[in-house]
PDB file of N, CA and C in Angstrom:
ATOM      1  N   MET A   1       0.635  -1.040   0.026  1.00  0.00           N
ATOM      2  CA  MET A   1      -0.083  -0.022   0.198  1.00  0.00           C
ATOM      3  C   MET A   1       0.821   0.957  -0.048  1.00  0.00           C
ATOM      4  N   LYS A   2       0.774   2.197  -0.897  1.00  0.00           N
ATOM      5  CA  LYS A   2       1.331   3.364  -0.783  1.00  0.00           C
ATOM      6  C   LYS A   2       1.112   4.177   0.045  1.00  0.00           C
ATOM      7  N   LYS A   3       2.106   4.951   0.618  1.00  0.00           N
ATOM      8  CA  LYS A   3       2.131   5.787   1.996  1.00  0.00           C
ATOM      9  C   LYS A   3       1.395   6.981   1.545  1.00  0.00           C
ATOM     10  N   LYS A   4       0.547   7.993   1.937  1.00  0.00           N
ATOM     11  CA  LYS A   4       0.443   9.013   1.468  1.00  0.00           C
ATOM     12  C   LYS A   4       1.205   9.999   2.574  1.00  0.00           C
ATOM     13  N   HIS A   5       1.622  11.152   1.657  1.00  0.00           N
ATOM     14  CA  HIS A   5       2.513  12.042   2.604  1.00  0.00           C
ATOM     15  C   HIS A   5       1.378  12.891   2.970  1.00  0.00           C
ATOM     16  N   LEU A   6       1.586  13.308   4.275  1.00  0.00           N
ATOM     17  CA  LEU A   6       0.411  14.423   4.773  1.00  0.00           C
ATOM     18  C   LEU A   6       0.729  15.787   4.837  1.00  0.00           C
ATOM     19  N   LEU A   7       2.350  15.775   5.023  1.00  0.00           N
ATOM     20  CA  LEU A   7       3.023  17.145   4.955  1.00  0.00           C
ATOM     21  C   LEU A   7       3.402  17.455   3.500  1.00  0.00           C
ATOM     22  N   LYS A   8       3.289  18.655   3.278  1.00  0.00           N
ATOM     23  CA  LYS A   8       3.992  18.949   2.210  1.00  0.00           C
ATOM     24  C   LYS A   8       4.077  20.618   2.094  1.00  0.00           C
ATOM     25  N   LYS A   9       5.098  20.861   1.089  1.00  0.00           N
ATOM     26  CA  LYS A   9       5.310  22.456   0.812  1.00  0.00           C
ATOM     27  C   LYS A   9       4.176  22.904  -0.163  1.00  0.00           C
ATOM     28  N   PHE A  10       3.875  24.298   0.085  1.00  0.00           N
ATOM     29  CA  PHE A  10       2.839  24.978  -0.854  1.00  0.00           C
ATOM     30  C   PHE A  10       3.629  26.129  -1.368  1.00  0.00           C
ATOM     31  N   ASP A  11       3.364  26.293  -2.447  1.00  0.00           N
ATOM     32  CA  ASP A  11       3.791  27.708  -3.012  1.00  0.00           C
ATOM     33  C   ASP A  11       2.823  28.639  -2.557  1.00  0.00           C
ATOM     34  N   PHE A  12       1.622  28.505  -2.730  1.00  0.00           N
ATOM     35  CA  PHE A  12       0.403  29.454  -2.520  1.00  0.00           C
ATOM     36  C   PHE A  12      -0.313  29.193  -0.857  1.00  0.00           C
ATOM     37  N   GLN A  13      -0.753  30.243  -0.390  1.00  0.00           N
ATOM     38  CA  GLN A  13      -1.661  30.191   0.669  1.00  0.00           C
ATOM     39  C   GLN A  13      -2.520  29.422   0.352  1.00  0.00           C
ATOM     40  N   ASP A  14      -3.887  29.873  -0.718  1.00  0.00           N
ATOM     41  CA  ASP A  14      -4.763  29.162  -1.011  1.00  0.00           C
ATOM     42  C   ASP A  14      -4.621  27.674  -1.387  1.00  0.00           C
ATOM     43  N   ALA A  15      -3.570  27.231  -1.798  1.00  0.00           N
ATOM     44  CA  ALA A  15      -3.425  25.469  -1.896  1.00  0.00           C
ATOM     45  C   ALA A  15      -3.112  25.105  -0.552  1.00  0.00           C
ATOM     46  N   MET A  16      -2.612  25.776   0.323  1.00  0.00           N
ATOM     47  CA  MET A  16      -2.434  25.026   1.739  1.00  0.00           C
ATOM     48  C   MET A  16      -3.888  25.033   2.298  1.00  0.00           C
ATOM     49  N   ASP A  17      -4.442  26.016   1.962  1.00  0.00           N
ATOM     50  CA  ASP A  17      -5.766  26.208   2.747  1.00  0.00           C
ATOM     51  C   ASP A  17      -6.584  25.251   2.060  1.00  0.00           C
ATOM     52  N   HIS A  18      -6.347  24.913   1.035  1.00  0.00           N
ATOM     53  CA  HIS A  18      -7.599  23.927   0.387  1.00  0.00           C
ATOM     54  C   HIS A  18      -7.073  22.118   1.045  1.00  0.00           C
ATOM     55  N   TYR A  19      -5.790  22.399   0.761  1.00  0.00           N
ATOM     56  CA  TYR A  19      -5.334  20.949   1.294  1.00  0.00           C
ATOM     57  C   TYR A  19      -5.866  20.309   2.745  1.00  0.00           C
ATOM     58  N   LEU A  20      -5.562  21.499   3.817  1.00  0.00           N
ATOM     59  CA  LEU A  20      -5.942  21.497   4.969  1.00  0.00           C
ATOM     60  C   LEU A  20      -7.502  21.211   5.395  1.00  0.00           C
ATOM     61  N   GLU A  21      -8.102  21.711   4.281  1.00  0.00           N
ATOM     62  CA  GLU A  21      -9.669  21.696   4.465  1.00  0.00           C
ATOM     63  C   GLU A  21     -10.343  20.387   3.703  1.00  0.00           C
ATOM     64  N   ASN A  22      -9.285  19.538   3.106  1.00  0.00           N
ATOM     65  CA  ASN A  22      -9.900  18.680   2.131  1.00  0.00           C
ATOM     66  C   ASN A  22      -9.146  17.280   2.761  1.00  0.00           C
ATOM     67  N   ASN A  23      -8.216  17.325   3.776  1.00  0.00           N
ATOM     68  CA  ASN A  23      -7.661  16.482   4.140  1.00  0.00           C
ATOM     69  C   ASN A  23      -7.672  16.112   6.051  1.00  0.00           C
ATOM     70  N   ASP A  24      -7.615  14.918   6.419  1.00  0.00           N
ATOM     71  CA  ASP A  24      -7.573  14.922   7.535  1.00  0.00           C
ATOM     72  C   ASP A  24      -6.126  14.277   8.375  1.00  0.00           C
ATOM     73  N   LEU A  25      -5.412  15.395   9.271  1.00  0.00           N
ATOM     74  CA  LEU A  25      -4.422  15.221   9.850  1.00  0.00           C
ATOM     75  C   LEU A  25      -4.308  14.423  10.948  1.00  0.00           C
ATOM     76  N   GLY A  26      -5.485  13.951  11.285  1.00  0.00           N
ATOM     77  CA  GLY A  26      -5.343  13.030  12.659  1.00  0.00           C
ATOM     78  C   GLY A  26      -4.315  11.934  12.851  1.00  0.00           C
ATOM     79  N   GLU A  27      -4.148  11.051  11.286  1.00  0.00           N
ATOM     80  CA  GLU A  27      -3.288   9.897  11.572  1.00  0.00           C
ATOM     81  C   GLU A  27      -2.070  10.615  11.820  1.00  0.00           C
ATOM     82  N   TYR A  28      -1.400  11.733  11.120  1.00  0.00           N
ATOM     83  CA  TYR A  28      -0.342  12.169  11.340  1.00  0.00           C
ATOM     84  C   TYR A  28      -0.065  12.592  13.141  1.00  0.00           C
ATOM     85  N   ILE A  29      -1.195  13.349  13.189  1.00  0.00           N
ATOM     86  CA  ILE A  29      -0.961  13.807  14.783  1.00  0.00           C
ATOM     87  C   ILE A  29      -0.748  12.765  15.677  1.00  0.00           C
ATOM     88  N   LYS A  30      -1.521  11.594  15.511  1.00  0.00           N
ATOM     89  CA  LYS A  30      -1.344  10.246  16.341  1.00  0.00           C
ATOM     90  C   LYS A  30       0.007   9.811  15.912  1.00  0.00           C
ATOM     91  N   ALA A  31       0.396   9.648  14.876  1.00  0.00           N
ATOM     92  CA  ALA A  31       1.586   8.875  14.912  1.00  0.00           C
ATOM     93  C   ALA A  31       2.822  10.020  15.471  1.00  0.00           C
ATOM     94  N   HIS A  32       2.874  11.045  15.256  1.00  0.00           N
ATOM     95  CA  HIS A  32       3.885  12.054  15.773  1.00  0.00           C
ATOM     96  C   HIS A  32       3.729  12.890  16.861  1.00  0.00           C
ATOM     97  N   GLY A  33       2.542  12.788  17.418  1.00  0.00           N
ATOM     98  CA  GLY A  33       2.075  13.691  18.665  1.00  0.00           C
ATOM     99  C   GLY A  33       1.800  15.160  18.389  1.00  0.00           C
ATOM    100  N   GLN A  34       2.120  15.699  17.538  1.00  0.00           N
ATOM    101  CA  GLN A  34       1.815  16.932  17.010  1.00  0.00           C
ATOM    102  C   GLN A  34       2.264  17.495  15.660  1.00  0.00           C
ATOM    103  N   LEU A  35       1.700  18.603  15.035  1.00  0.00           N
ATOM    104  CA  LEU A  35       2.271  18.993  14.052  1.00  0.00           C
ATOM    105  C   LEU A  35       3.338  19.907  14.168  1.00  0.00           C
ATOM    106  N   LYS A  36       4.182  19.738  13.367  1.00  0.00           N
ATOM    107  CA  LYS A  36       5.294  20.808  13.138  1.00  0.00           C
ATOM    108  C   LYS A  36       5.141  22.095  12.609  1.00  0.00           C
ATOM    109  N   LYS A  37       5.709  23.217  13.689  1.00  0.00           N
ATOM    110  CA  LYS A  37       5.117  24.604  13.248  1.00  0.00           C
ATOM    111  C   LYS A  37       6.059  24.957  12.049  1.00  0.00           C
ATOM    112  N   PRO A  38       5.238  25.782  11.115  1.00  0.00           N
ATOM    113  CA  PRO A  38       6.083  26.050   9.903  1.00  0.00           C
ATOM    114  C   PRO A  38       7.174  26.880  10.243  1.00  0.00           C
ATOM    115  N   SER A  39       8.160  26.826   9.656  1.00  0.00           N
ATOM    116  CA  SER A  39       9.533  27.687   9.628  1.00  0.00           C
ATOM    117  C   SER A  39       9.141  28.913   8.949  1.00  0.00           C
ATOM    118  N   ILE A  40       9.484  29.851   9.950  1.00  0.00           N
ATOM    119  CA  ILE A  40       9.264  31.466   9.310  1.00  0.00           C
ATOM    120  C   ILE A  40      10.481  32.180   9.271  1.00  0.00           C
ATOM    121  N   LYS A  41      10.787  32.659   8.110  1.00  0.00           N
ATOM    122  CA  LYS A  41      12.013  33.605   7.961  1.00  0.00           C
ATOM    123  C   LYS A  41      11.531  35.026   8.011  1.00  0.00           C
ATOM    124  N   LYS A  42      12.387  35.882   8.634  1.00  0.00           N
ATOM    125  CA  LYS A  42      11.919  37.174   8.959  1.00  0.00           C
ATOM    126  C   LYS A  42      12.805  38.165   8.018  1.00  0.00           C
ATOM    127  N   ILE A  43      12.364  39.217   7.450  1.00  0.00           N
ATOM    128  CA  ILE A  43      12.640  39.805   6.257  1.00  0.00           C
ATOM    129  C   ILE A  43      12.599  41.376   6.437  1.00  0.00           C
ATOM    130  N   ASN A  44      13.585  42.430   6.201  1.00  0.00           N
ATOM    131  CA  ASN A  44      13.070  43.807   6.117  1.00  0.00           C
ATOM    132  C   ASN A  44      12.651  44.188   4.998  1.00  0.00           C
ATOM    133  N   ILE A  45      11.589  44.895   4.910  1.00  0.00           N
ATOM    134  CA  ILE A  45      11.103  45.345   3.575  1.00  0.00           C
ATOM    135  C   ILE A  45      10.527  46.884   3.588  1.00  0.00           C
ATOM    136  N   ASP A  46      11.007  47.769   2.706  1.00  0.00           N
ATOM    137  CA  ASP A  46      10.376  49.076   2.951  1.00  0.00           C
ATOM    138  C   ASP A  46       9.116  49.195   2.254  1.00  0.00           C
ATOM    139  N   LEU A  47       8.041  49.626   2.492  1.00  0.00           N
ATOM    140  CA  LEU A  47       6.780  49.700   2.098  1.00  0.00           C
ATOM    141  C   LEU A  47       6.367  51.054   2.440  1.00  0.00           C
ATOM    142  N   PRO A  48       5.494  51.599   1.223  1.00  0.00           N
ATOM    143  CA  PRO A  48       4.832  52.987   1.676  1.00  0.00           C
ATOM    144  C   PRO A  48       3.902  52.778   2.741  1.00  0.00           C
ATOM    145  N   GLU A  49       3.751  53.837   3.466  1.00  0.00           N
ATOM    146  CA  GLU A  49       2.716  53.762   4.739  1.00  0.00           C
ATOM    147  C   GLU A  49       1.385  53.604   4.227  1.00  0.00           C
ATOM    148  N   TRP A  50       0.916  53.913   2.984  1.00  0.00           N
ATOM    149  CA  TRP A  50      -0.209  53.382   2.832  1.00  0.00           C
ATOM    150  C   TRP A  50      -0.636  52.293   2.714  1.00  0.00           C
ATOM    151  N   PHE A  51       0.391  51.446   1.873  1.00  0.00           N
ATOM    152  CA  PHE A  51       0.344  50.018   1.700  1.00  0.00           C
ATOM    153  C   PHE A  51       0.136  49.295   2.747  1.00  0.00           C
ATOM    154  N   LEU A  52       1.230  49.520   3.905  1.00  0.00           N
ATOM    155  CA  LEU A  52       1.304  48.986   5.195  1.00  0.00           C
ATOM    156  C   LEU A  52       0.089  48.873   5.829  1.00  0.00           C
ATOM    157  N   ARG A  53      -0.663  50.183   5.795  1.00  0.00           N
ATOM    158  CA  ARG A  53      -2.315  50.162   6.569  1.00  0.00           C
ATOM    159  C   ARG A  53      -2.842  49.428   5.645  1.00  0.00           C
ATOM    160  N   GLU A  54      -3.068  49.410   4.392  1.00  0.00           N
ATOM    161  CA  GLU A  54      -3.892  48.073   3.816  1.00  0.00           C
ATOM    162  C   GLU A  54      -3.549  46.869   3.901  1.00  0.00           C
ATOM    163  N   LEU A  55      -2.298  46.690   4.223  1.00  0.00           N
ATOM    164  CA  LEU A  55      -1.948  45.236   4.378  1.00  0.00           C
ATOM    165  C   LEU A  55      -2.339  44.631   5.685  1.00  0.00           C
ATOM    166  N   GLU A  56      -2.303  45.737   6.742  1.00  0.00           N
ATOM    167  CA  GLU A  56      -2.497  45.312   8.131  1.00  0.00           C
ATOM    168  C   GLU A  56      -4.293  45.253   8.133  1.00  0.00           C
ATOM    169  N   ILE A  57      -4.660  45.784   7.412  1.00  0.00           N
ATOM    170  CA  ILE A  57      -6.498  45.845   7.236  1.00  0.00           C
ATOM    171  C   ILE A  57      -6.926  44.452   7.138  1.00  0.00           C
ATOM    172  N   GLU A  58      -6.356  44.156   5.894  1.00  0.00           N
ATOM    173  CA  GLU A  58      -6.337  42.954   5.097  1.00  0.00           C
ATOM    174  C   GLU A  58      -5.907  41.666   6.000  1.00  0.00           C
ATOM    175  N   ALA A  59      -4.761  41.756   6.660  1.00  0.00           N
ATOM    176  CA  ALA A  59      -4.471  40.698   7.616  1.00  0.00           C
ATOM    177  C   ALA A  59      -5.419  40.587   8.887  1.00  0.00           C
ATOM    178  N   SER A  60      -5.959  41.845   9.220  1.00  0.00           N
ATOM    179  CA  SER A  60      -7.078  41.792  10.546  1.00  0.00           C
ATOM    180  C   SER A  60      -8.159  41.115   9.950  1.00  0.00           C
ATOM    181  N   ARG A  61      -8.623  41.296   8.740  1.00  0.00           N
ATOM    182  CA  ARG A  61      -9.867  40.686   8.374  1.00  0.00           C
ATOM    183  C   ARG A  61      -9.864  39.222   8.186  1.00  0.00           C
ATOM    184  N   ALA A  62      -8.530  38.701   7.568  1.00  0.00           N
ATOM    185  CA  ALA A  62      -8.091  37.342   7.407  1.00  0.00           C
ATOM    186  C   ALA A  62      -7.806  36.694   8.894  1.00  0.00           C
ATOM    187  N   GLY A  63      -7.558  37.493  10.008  1.00  0.00           N
ATOM    188  CA  GLY A  63      -7.662  36.874  11.285  1.00  0.00           C
ATOM    189  C   GLY A  63      -6.166  36.596  11.552  1.00  0.00           C
ATOM    190  N   ILE A  64      -5.239  37.039  10.930  1.00  0.00           N
ATOM    191  CA  ILE A  64      -3.874  36.755  11.194  1.00  0.00           C
ATOM    192  C   ILE A  64      -3.254  37.652  12.129  1.00  0.00           C
ATOM    193  N   ILE A  65      -3.518  38.966  12.181  1.00  0.00           N
ATOM    194  CA  ILE A  65      -3.465  39.893  13.365  1.00  0.00           C
ATOM    195  C   ILE A  65      -4.424  40.342  14.268  1.00  0.00           C
ATOM    196  N   ASN A  66      -4.480  40.946  15.223  1.00  0.00           N
ATOM    197  CA  ASN A  66      -5.503  41.547  15.610  1.00  0.00           C
ATOM    198  C   ASN A  66      -5.775  42.929  15.613  1.00  0.00           C
TER     199      ASN A  66
END
């Protein structure tokens, strides 16, 4: 029987959201105890203030920030 890979890398947030909505990760959690935290890389970027405000509004709507 071919083993299904439950964790994979995604190029786009929508692809990851779709995958998580349509796959049960219960077996992976049972086998490994918990899901691994995604690796996060911090970067510095200069943005216009208006763009940053709009980005914060959209992040708030998406529930990413308060």
